[in-house]
Amino acid sequence: MKQFKSGLNARIGTAILAAAFGLLTACGGKSKAETESSAKALEIQAETAIPDIKAASAEAAESEEAAQTVTVPLQIEKHKQEGRHMVRAGERTISVPTSFEGLLKEGAVFSGENDIVKAGATGSCRVQYRGSFGHIRINVRNNEDHDLPVKECTIKGIDIGSAEPDPELTLYGIPMGATRQQIADVYGEPFSKTFDDENHTSNMVYQFGDEIYSNQVVMILFKNGRAVRAVYDDFSLSER
């Protein structure tokens, strides 16, 4: 995974934060005001060569708290196939890029795959995991000039989430419940990281690809120092 120190494209940051916090609202029951406040506070700011003493202090405090609360054994397995972005859910693997036919072959069970997506718009459906449709979401875009069901659209991203540590639910080898330090020990420092002390939330953003402003992004969101959601998205598929 390639990392860069230049400024993150603001369009990418705004879009992925909106998607991620929308998911946290759906799964965690946060109010609209809380979500908007968190999204504003977590506006992505790329790292610079100037040390951020406040951020460093917040990160140290968060890491210490997380170390005290995570009791489930968690291990990060570094992703070795940069061209294929995988979610592991128990014994099942869900890969992107792929098609709905490919996901069916991998044993995926969907909810919302027949919902209609307007031409040029984005949509999503859920994938069952441990009897629930609340942990995995497939994001799509309709690149045609007519309406299509979700299952006939282009898959452009995938995200996972769990309020509890789960070593069997991973994106890019990162399990839900992992700490920021565990992830940095394997993947190095992120392209961007932010903190919201008031809401005890933070994020890490990694970019990869051959271009410095790659549209392929992995974002991990944390609550009280633990990963509660991870999002992969290819923003190049969001442009017509």
C-alpha atoms as a PDB file:
ATOM      1  CA  MET A   1       0.000   0.000   0.000  1.00  0.00           C
ATOM      2  CA  LYS A   2       1.595   3.243  -1.094  1.00  0.00           C
ATOM      3  CA  GLN A   3       1.446   6.263   1.204  1.00  0.00           C
ATOM      4  CA  PHE A   4       1.980   9.945   0.435  1.00  0.00           C
ATOM      5  CA  LYS A   5       2.410  13.082   2.548  1.00  0.00           C
ATOM      6  CA  SER A   6       0.744  15.557   0.156  1.00  0.00           C
ATOM      7  CA  GLY A   7      -2.716  17.064   0.841  1.00  0.00           C
ATOM      8  CA  LEU A   8      -5.686  14.712   0.426  1.00  0.00           C
ATOM      9  CA  ASN A   9      -8.173  15.622  -2.262  1.00  0.00           C
ATOM     10  CA  ALA A  10     -10.991  17.469  -0.456  1.00  0.00           C
ATOM     11  CA  ARG A  11     -13.683  15.907  -2.638  1.00  0.00           C
ATOM     12  CA  ILE A  12     -12.576  12.431  -1.650  1.00  0.00           C
ATOM     13  CA  GLY A  13     -12.453  13.341   2.034  1.00  0.00           C
ATOM     14  CA  THR A  14     -15.902  14.912   2.095  1.00  0.00           C
ATOM     15  CA  ALA A  15     -17.514  12.053   0.185  1.00  0.00           C
ATOM     16  CA  ILE A  16     -16.017   9.237   2.222  1.00  0.00           C
ATOM     17  CA  LEU A  17     -16.752  10.955   5.544  1.00  0.00           C
ATOM     18  CA  ALA A  18     -20.373  11.460   4.526  1.00  0.00           C
ATOM     19  CA  ALA A  19     -20.717   7.798   3.562  1.00  0.00           C
ATOM     20  CA  ALA A  20     -18.945   6.531   6.644  1.00  0.00           C
ATOM     21  CA  PHE A  21     -20.883   8.639   9.132  1.00  0.00           C
ATOM     22  CA  GLY A  22     -24.123   7.745   7.384  1.00  0.00           C
ATOM     23  CA  LEU A  23     -23.324   4.120   8.146  1.00  0.00           C
ATOM     24  CA  LEU A  24     -22.403   4.877  11.741  1.00  0.00           C
ATOM     25  CA  THR A  25     -25.739   6.651  12.132  1.00  0.00           C
ATOM     26  CA  ALA A  26     -27.603   3.660  10.739  1.00  0.00           C
ATOM     27  CA  CYS A  27     -25.820   1.142  12.959  1.00  0.00           C
ATOM     28  CA  GLY A  28     -25.176   3.193  16.072  1.00  0.00           C
ATOM     29  CA  GLY A  29     -28.299   5.342  16.335  1.00  0.00           C
ATOM     30  CA  LYS A  30     -26.490   8.683  16.457  1.00  0.00           C
ATOM     31  CA  SER A  31     -28.675  11.760  16.028  1.00  0.00           C
ATOM     32  CA  LYS A  32     -28.447  13.921  12.934  1.00  0.00           C
ATOM     33  CA  ALA A  33     -26.943  16.774  14.985  1.00  0.00           C
ATOM     34  CA  GLU A  34     -24.296  14.454  16.462  1.00  0.00           C
ATOM     35  CA  THR A  35     -23.470  13.084  13.022  1.00  0.00           C
ATOM     36  CA  GLU A  36     -23.124  16.533  11.471  1.00  0.00           C
ATOM     37  CA  SER A  37     -20.976  17.660  14.390  1.00  0.00           C
ATOM     38  CA  SER A  38     -18.722  14.623  14.068  1.00  0.00           C
ATOM     39  CA  ALA A  39     -18.421  14.991  10.309  1.00  0.00           C
ATOM     40  CA  LYS A  40     -17.440  18.645  10.665  1.00  0.00           C
ATOM     41  CA  ALA A  41     -14.951  17.896  13.417  1.00  0.00           C
ATOM     42  CA  LEU A  42     -13.434  15.052  11.422  1.00  0.00           C
ATOM     43  CA  GLU A  43     -12.885  17.031   8.230  1.00  0.00           C
ATOM     44  CA  ILE A  44      -9.815  15.406   6.771  1.00  0.00           C
ATOM     45  CA  GLN A  45      -6.531  17.234   7.265  1.00  0.00           C
ATOM     46  CA  ALA A  46      -3.476  15.628   5.698  1.00  0.00           C
ATOM     47  CA  GLU A  47      -0.332  15.275   7.741  1.00  0.00           C
ATOM     48  CA  THR A  48       2.457  17.787   7.275  1.00  0.00           C
ATOM     49  CA  ALA A  49       6.089  17.834   8.283  1.00  0.00           C
ATOM     50  CA  ILE A  50       5.198  20.137  11.210  1.00  0.00           C
ATOM     51  CA  PRO A  51       4.513  18.106  14.395  1.00  0.00           C
ATOM     52  CA  ASP A  52       0.946  18.418  15.674  1.00  0.00           C
ATOM     53  CA  ILE A  53       1.366  18.367  19.464  1.00  0.00           C
ATOM     54  CA  LYS A  54      -2.375  18.355  20.152  1.00  0.00           C
ATOM     55  CA  ALA A  55      -2.998  15.465  17.749  1.00  0.00           C
ATOM     56  CA  ALA A  56      -0.051  13.526  19.145  1.00  0.00           C
ATOM     57  CA  SER A  57      -1.378  13.976  22.666  1.00  0.00           C
ATOM     58  CA  ALA A  58      -4.863  12.873  21.639  1.00  0.00           C
ATOM     59  CA  GLU A  59      -3.462   9.845  19.839  1.00  0.00           C
ATOM     60  CA  ALA A  60      -1.407   8.794  22.855  1.00  0.00           C
ATOM     61  CA  ALA A  61      -4.412   9.089  25.171  1.00  0.00           C
ATOM     62  CA  GLU A  62      -6.631   7.209  22.747  1.00  0.00           C
ATOM     63  CA  SER A  63      -4.098   4.404  22.286  1.00  0.00           C
ATOM     64  CA  GLU A  64      -3.743   3.980  26.057  1.00  0.00           C
ATOM     65  CA  GLU A  65      -7.522   3.808  26.527  1.00  0.00           C
ATOM     66  CA  ALA A  66      -7.939   1.346  23.668  1.00  0.00           C
ATOM     67  CA  ALA A  67      -5.230  -0.910  25.040  1.00  0.00           C
ATOM     68  CA  GLN A  68      -7.191  -1.159  28.269  1.00  0.00           C
ATOM     69  CA  THR A  69     -10.547  -1.923  26.625  1.00  0.00           C
ATOM     70  CA  VAL A  70      -9.697  -4.400  23.839  1.00  0.00           C
ATOM     71  CA  THR A  71      -9.694  -7.891  25.315  1.00  0.00           C
ATOM     72  CA  VAL A  72     -10.444 -10.000  22.214  1.00  0.00           C
ATOM     73  CA  PRO A  73      -7.239 -11.332  20.577  1.00  0.00           C
ATOM     74  CA  LEU A  74      -6.849  -9.398  17.317  1.00  0.00           C
ATOM     75  CA  GLN A  75      -4.226  -9.853  14.618  1.00  0.00           C
ATOM     76  CA  ILE A  76      -3.715  -7.775  11.481  1.00  0.00           C
ATOM     77  CA  GLU A  77      -2.691  -9.629   8.325  1.00  0.00           C
ATOM     78  CA  LYS A  78      -1.038  -7.313   5.806  1.00  0.00           C
ATOM     79  CA  HIS A  79      -2.890  -7.285   2.507  1.00  0.00           C
ATOM     80  CA  LYS A  80      -0.768  -8.699  -0.316  1.00  0.00           C
ATOM     81  CA  GLN A  81      -3.009  -8.152  -3.360  1.00  0.00           C
ATOM     82  CA  GLU A  82      -3.303  -4.422  -3.923  1.00  0.00           C
ATOM     83  CA  GLY A  83      -5.476  -4.905  -6.991  1.00  0.00           C
ATOM     84  CA  ARG A  84      -8.106  -6.896  -5.105  1.00  0.00           C
ATOM     85  CA  HIS A  85      -9.656  -5.495  -1.946  1.00  0.00           C
ATOM     86  CA  MET A  86     -11.069  -8.151   0.299  1.00  0.00           C
ATOM     87  CA  VAL A  87     -13.439  -8.433   3.195  1.00  0.00           C
ATOM     88  CA  ARG A  88     -13.208 -11.573   5.250  1.00  0.00           C
ATOM     89  CA  ALA A  89     -16.356 -12.453   7.162  1.00  0.00           C
ATOM     90  CA  GLY A  90     -15.804 -15.683   9.032  1.00  0.00           C
ATOM     91  CA  GLU A  91     -14.850 -18.285   6.430  1.00  0.00           C
ATOM     92  CA  ARG A  92     -16.247 -16.188   3.561  1.00  0.00           C
ATOM     93  CA  THR A  93     -14.259 -13.822   1.363  1.00  0.00           C
ATOM     94  CA  ILE A  94     -15.908 -10.912  -0.459  1.00  0.00           C
ATOM     95  CA  SER A  95     -13.691  -9.262  -3.067  1.00  0.00           C
ATOM     96  CA  VAL A  96     -13.709  -5.981  -4.976  1.00  0.00           C
ATOM     97  CA  PRO A  97     -13.543  -5.542  -7.930  1.00  0.00           C
ATOM     98  CA  THR A  98     -16.096  -8.208  -8.672  1.00  0.00           C
ATOM     99  CA  SER A  99     -19.665  -8.659  -9.894  1.00  0.00           C
ATOM    100  CA  PHE A 100     -22.788  -9.765  -8.094  1.00  0.00           C
ATOM    101  CA  GLU A 101     -22.421 -13.092  -9.880  1.00  0.00           C
ATOM    102  CA  GLY A 102     -18.947 -13.364  -8.376  1.00  0.00           C
ATOM    103  CA  LEU A 103     -20.249 -12.500  -4.917  1.00  0.00           C
ATOM    104  CA  LEU A 104     -22.965 -15.134  -5.219  1.00  0.00           C
ATOM    105  CA  LYS A 105     -20.302 -17.703  -6.062  1.00  0.00           C
ATOM    106  CA  GLU A 106     -18.511 -16.667  -2.880  1.00  0.00           C
ATOM    107  CA  GLY A 107     -21.670 -17.450  -0.926  1.00  0.00           C
ATOM    108  CA  ALA A 108     -22.983 -13.935  -0.317  1.00  0.00           C
ATOM    109  CA  VAL A 109     -26.632 -13.485   0.692  1.00  0.00           C
ATOM    110  CA  PHE A 110     -28.011 -10.020  -0.125  1.00  0.00           C
ATOM    111  CA  SER A 111     -30.657  -7.605   1.099  1.00  0.00           C
ATOM    112  CA  GLY A 112     -31.693  -4.735  -1.168  1.00  0.00           C
ATOM    113  CA  GLU A 113     -30.040  -6.038  -4.343  1.00  0.00           C
ATOM    114  CA  ASN A 114     -33.216  -5.369  -6.350  1.00  0.00           C
ATOM    115  CA  ASP A 115     -33.552  -1.734  -5.275  1.00  0.00           C
ATOM    116  CA  ILE A 116     -33.533   0.632  -8.257  1.00  0.00           C
ATOM    117  CA  VAL A 117     -30.624   3.031  -8.825  1.00  0.00           C
ATOM    118  CA  LYS A 118     -31.189   5.978 -11.151  1.00  0.00           C
ATOM    119  CA  ALA A 119     -28.866   6.603 -14.094  1.00  0.00           C
ATOM    120  CA  GLY A 120     -25.562   8.096 -12.910  1.00  0.00           C
ATOM    121  CA  ALA A 121     -26.472   7.651  -9.248  1.00  0.00           C
ATOM    122  CA  THR A 122     -25.038   5.491  -6.464  1.00  0.00           C
ATOM    123  CA  GLY A 123     -26.728   2.849  -4.362  1.00  0.00           C
ATOM    124  CA  SER A 124     -25.995  -0.024  -2.039  1.00  0.00           C
ATOM    125  CA  CYS A 125     -27.146  -3.314  -0.631  1.00  0.00           C
ATOM    126  CA  ARG A 126     -26.333  -5.325   2.472  1.00  0.00           C
ATOM    127  CA  VAL A 127     -24.628  -8.687   2.806  1.00  0.00           C
ATOM    128  CA  GLN A 128     -25.587 -11.159   5.505  1.00  0.00           C
ATOM    129  CA  TYR A 129     -23.044 -11.950   8.223  1.00  0.00           C
ATOM    130  CA  ARG A 130     -23.861 -14.042  11.288  1.00  0.00           C
ATOM    131  CA  GLY A 131     -27.552 -13.760  10.548  1.00  0.00           C
ATOM    132  CA  SER A 132     -27.479  -9.949  10.350  1.00  0.00           C
ATOM    133  CA  PHE A 133     -27.450  -7.466   7.473  1.00  0.00           C
ATOM    134  CA  GLY A 134     -25.996  -4.696   9.652  1.00  0.00           C
ATOM    135  CA  HIS A 135     -22.256  -5.399   9.283  1.00  0.00           C
ATOM    136  CA  ILE A 136     -21.376  -5.439   5.551  1.00  0.00           C
ATOM    137  CA  ARG A 137     -22.459  -3.114   2.756  1.00  0.00           C
ATOM    138  CA  ILE A 138     -21.690  -3.210  -0.972  1.00  0.00           C
ATOM    139  CA  ASN A 139     -21.638   0.194  -2.687  1.00  0.00           C
ATOM    140  CA  VAL A 140     -22.452   0.530  -6.382  1.00  0.00           C
ATOM    141  CA  ARG A 141     -22.783   3.084  -9.159  1.00  0.00           C
ATOM    142  CA  ASN A 142     -25.110   3.002 -12.132  1.00  0.00           C
ATOM    143  CA  ASN A 143     -22.886   3.982 -15.069  1.00  0.00           C
ATOM    144  CA  GLU A 144     -25.659   3.501 -17.631  1.00  0.00           C
ATOM    145  CA  ASP A 145     -28.075   6.087 -19.012  1.00  0.00           C
ATOM    146  CA  HIS A 146     -31.125   4.269 -17.644  1.00  0.00           C
ATOM    147  CA  ASP A 147     -32.280   2.990 -14.262  1.00  0.00           C
ATOM    148  CA  LEU A 148     -30.926  -0.346 -13.035  1.00  0.00           C
ATOM    149  CA  PRO A 149     -31.367  -2.589 -10.002  1.00  0.00           C
ATOM    150  CA  VAL A 150     -28.427  -2.568  -7.588  1.00  0.00           C
ATOM    151  CA  LYS A 151     -27.359  -6.056  -8.676  1.00  0.00           C
ATOM    152  CA  GLU A 152     -26.780  -4.851 -12.255  1.00  0.00           C
ATOM    153  CA  CYS A 153     -24.687  -1.806 -11.314  1.00  0.00           C
ATOM    154  CA  THR A 154     -20.897  -1.468 -11.051  1.00  0.00           C
ATOM    155  CA  ILE A 155     -19.512  -2.405  -7.636  1.00  0.00           C
ATOM    156  CA  LYS A 156     -17.244   0.445  -6.542  1.00  0.00           C
ATOM    157  CA  GLY A 157     -16.710  -0.136  -2.840  1.00  0.00           C
ATOM    158  CA  ILE A 158     -17.364  -2.157   0.264  1.00  0.00           C
ATOM    159  CA  ASP A 159     -17.460  -1.395   3.954  1.00  0.00           C
ATOM    160  CA  ILE A 160     -17.785  -3.224   7.229  1.00  0.00           C
ATOM    161  CA  GLY A 161     -18.683  -2.276  10.759  1.00  0.00           C
ATOM    162  CA  SER A 162     -19.080  -3.704  14.250  1.00  0.00           C
ATOM    163  CA  ALA A 163     -19.549  -2.017  17.598  1.00  0.00           C
ATOM    164  CA  GLU A 164     -17.778  -4.969  19.225  1.00  0.00           C
ATOM    165  CA  PRO A 165     -14.306  -6.369  18.470  1.00  0.00           C
ATOM    166  CA  ASP A 166     -14.547  -9.133  15.869  1.00  0.00           C
ATOM    167  CA  PRO A 167     -11.349 -10.858  14.698  1.00  0.00           C
ATOM    168  CA  GLU A 168     -13.297 -12.638  11.937  1.00  0.00           C
ATOM    169  CA  LEU A 169     -14.618  -9.459  10.277  1.00  0.00           C
ATOM    170  CA  THR A 170     -11.798  -7.706   8.428  1.00  0.00           C
ATOM    171  CA  LEU A 171     -11.167  -5.292   5.565  1.00  0.00           C
ATOM    172  CA  TYR A 172      -7.680  -5.232   4.094  1.00  0.00           C
ATOM    173  CA  GLY A 173      -6.657  -7.588   6.883  1.00  0.00           C
ATOM    174  CA  ILE A 174      -7.784  -5.083   9.552  1.00  0.00           C
ATOM    175  CA  PRO A 175     -10.224  -6.590  12.099  1.00  0.00           C
ATOM    176  CA  MET A 176     -12.963  -4.636  13.788  1.00  0.00           C
ATOM    177  CA  GLY A 177     -11.718  -3.677  17.239  1.00  0.00           C
ATOM    178  CA  ALA A 178      -8.083  -3.142  16.202  1.00  0.00           C
ATOM    179  CA  THR A 179      -6.298  -0.146  17.677  1.00  0.00           C
ATOM    180  CA  ARG A 180      -4.643   2.654  15.718  1.00  0.00           C
ATOM    181  CA  GLN A 181      -1.213   1.488  16.863  1.00  0.00           C
ATOM    182  CA  GLN A 182      -1.833  -2.099  15.757  1.00  0.00           C
ATOM    183  CA  ILE A 183      -2.720  -0.862  12.270  1.00  0.00           C
ATOM    184  CA  ALA A 184       0.225   1.548  12.056  1.00  0.00           C
ATOM    185  CA  ASP A 185       2.608  -1.219  13.160  1.00  0.00           C
ATOM    186  CA  VAL A 186       1.614  -3.221  10.063  1.00  0.00           C
ATOM    187  CA  TYR A 187       0.819  -0.570   7.426  1.00  0.00           C
ATOM    188  CA  GLY A 188       2.894   2.364   8.645  1.00  0.00           C
ATOM    189  CA  GLU A 189       1.637   5.886   9.242  1.00  0.00           C
ATOM    190  CA  PRO A 190      -1.537   6.747   7.317  1.00  0.00           C
ATOM    191  CA  PHE A 191      -1.878   9.317   4.556  1.00  0.00           C
ATOM    192  CA  SER A 192      -4.159  11.273   6.861  1.00  0.00           C
ATOM    193  CA  LYS A 193      -5.479  11.005  10.409  1.00  0.00           C
ATOM    194  CA  THR A 194      -7.862  13.124  12.464  1.00  0.00           C
ATOM    195  CA  PHE A 195      -9.212  13.246  16.017  1.00  0.00           C
ATOM    196  CA  ASP A 196     -12.443  14.456  17.593  1.00  0.00           C
ATOM    197  CA  ASP A 197     -11.804  14.507  21.350  1.00  0.00           C
ATOM    198  CA  GLU A 198     -15.331  15.644  22.178  1.00  0.00           C
ATOM    199  CA  ASN A 199     -16.957  12.585  20.586  1.00  0.00           C
ATOM    200  CA  HIS A 200     -14.029  10.199  21.200  1.00  0.00           C
ATOM    201  CA  THR A 201     -13.799   9.411  17.502  1.00  0.00           C
ATOM    202  CA  SER A 202     -10.951   9.431  15.001  1.00  0.00           C
ATOM    203  CA  ASN A 203      -9.954   8.061  11.625  1.00  0.00           C
ATOM    204  CA  MET A 204      -7.007   6.886   9.554  1.00  0.00           C
ATOM    205  CA  VAL A 205      -6.905   7.153   5.757  1.00  0.00           C
ATOM    206  CA  TYR A 206      -4.655   5.152   3.437  1.00  0.00           C
ATOM    207  CA  GLN A 207      -4.374   5.701  -0.292  1.00  0.00           C
ATOM    208  CA  PHE A 208      -2.853   3.283  -2.756  1.00  0.00           C
ATOM    209  CA  GLY A 209      -2.206   3.034  -6.452  1.00  0.00           C
ATOM    210  CA  ASP A 210       0.349   4.418  -8.890  1.00  0.00           C
ATOM    211  CA  GLU A 211      -0.755   8.059  -8.731  1.00  0.00           C
ATOM    212  CA  ILE A 212      -0.114  10.425  -5.821  1.00  0.00           C
ATOM    213  CA  TYR A 213      -3.790  11.448  -5.873  1.00  0.00           C
ATOM    214  CA  SER A 214      -5.090   7.917  -6.207  1.00  0.00           C
ATOM    215  CA  ASN A 215      -8.869   7.632  -6.097  1.00  0.00           C
ATOM    216  CA  GLN A 216      -8.678   4.298  -4.274  1.00  0.00           C
ATOM    217  CA  VAL A 217      -9.016   4.870  -0.558  1.00  0.00           C
ATOM    218  CA  VAL A 218      -9.235   2.811   2.627  1.00  0.00           C
ATOM    219  CA  MET A 219     -10.563   4.651   5.667  1.00  0.00           C
ATOM    220  CA  ILE A 220     -10.782   3.225   9.182  1.00  0.00           C
ATOM    221  CA  LEU A 221     -13.016   4.918  11.764  1.00  0.00           C
ATOM    222  CA  PHE A 222     -12.461   4.527  15.496  1.00  0.00           C
ATOM    223  CA  LYS A 223     -14.621   4.977  18.574  1.00  0.00           C
ATOM    224  CA  ASN A 224     -12.812   5.137  21.906  1.00  0.00           C
ATOM    225  CA  GLY A 225      -9.632   3.999  20.176  1.00  0.00           C
ATOM    226  CA  ARG A 226     -11.085   0.884  18.535  1.00  0.00           C
ATOM    227  CA  ALA A 227     -11.882   0.344  14.855  1.00  0.00           C
ATOM    228  CA  VAL A 228     -15.662   0.239  14.445  1.00  0.00           C
ATOM    229  CA  ARG A 229     -15.886   0.687  10.669  1.00  0.00           C
ATOM    230  CA  ALA A 230     -13.622   0.305   7.649  1.00  0.00           C
ATOM    231  CA  VAL A 231     -14.443   1.575   4.170  1.00  0.00           C
ATOM    232  CA  TYR A 232     -12.905   0.856   0.771  1.00  0.00           C
ATOM    233  CA  ASP A 233     -14.002   3.029  -2.151  1.00  0.00           C
ATOM    234  CA  ASP A 234     -12.791   3.697  -5.674  1.00  0.00           C
ATOM    235  CA  PHE A 235     -13.784   7.278  -6.412  1.00  0.00           C
ATOM    236  CA  SER A 236     -12.744   7.009 -10.043  1.00  0.00           C
ATOM    237  CA  LEU A 237     -16.014   5.114 -10.524  1.00  0.00           C
ATOM    238  CA  SER A 238     -17.934   8.098  -9.180  1.00  0.00           C
ATOM    239  CA  GLU A 239     -17.193  10.186 -12.266  1.00  0.00           C
ATOM    240  CA  ARG A 240     -18.864   9.788 -15.629  1.00  0.00           C
END
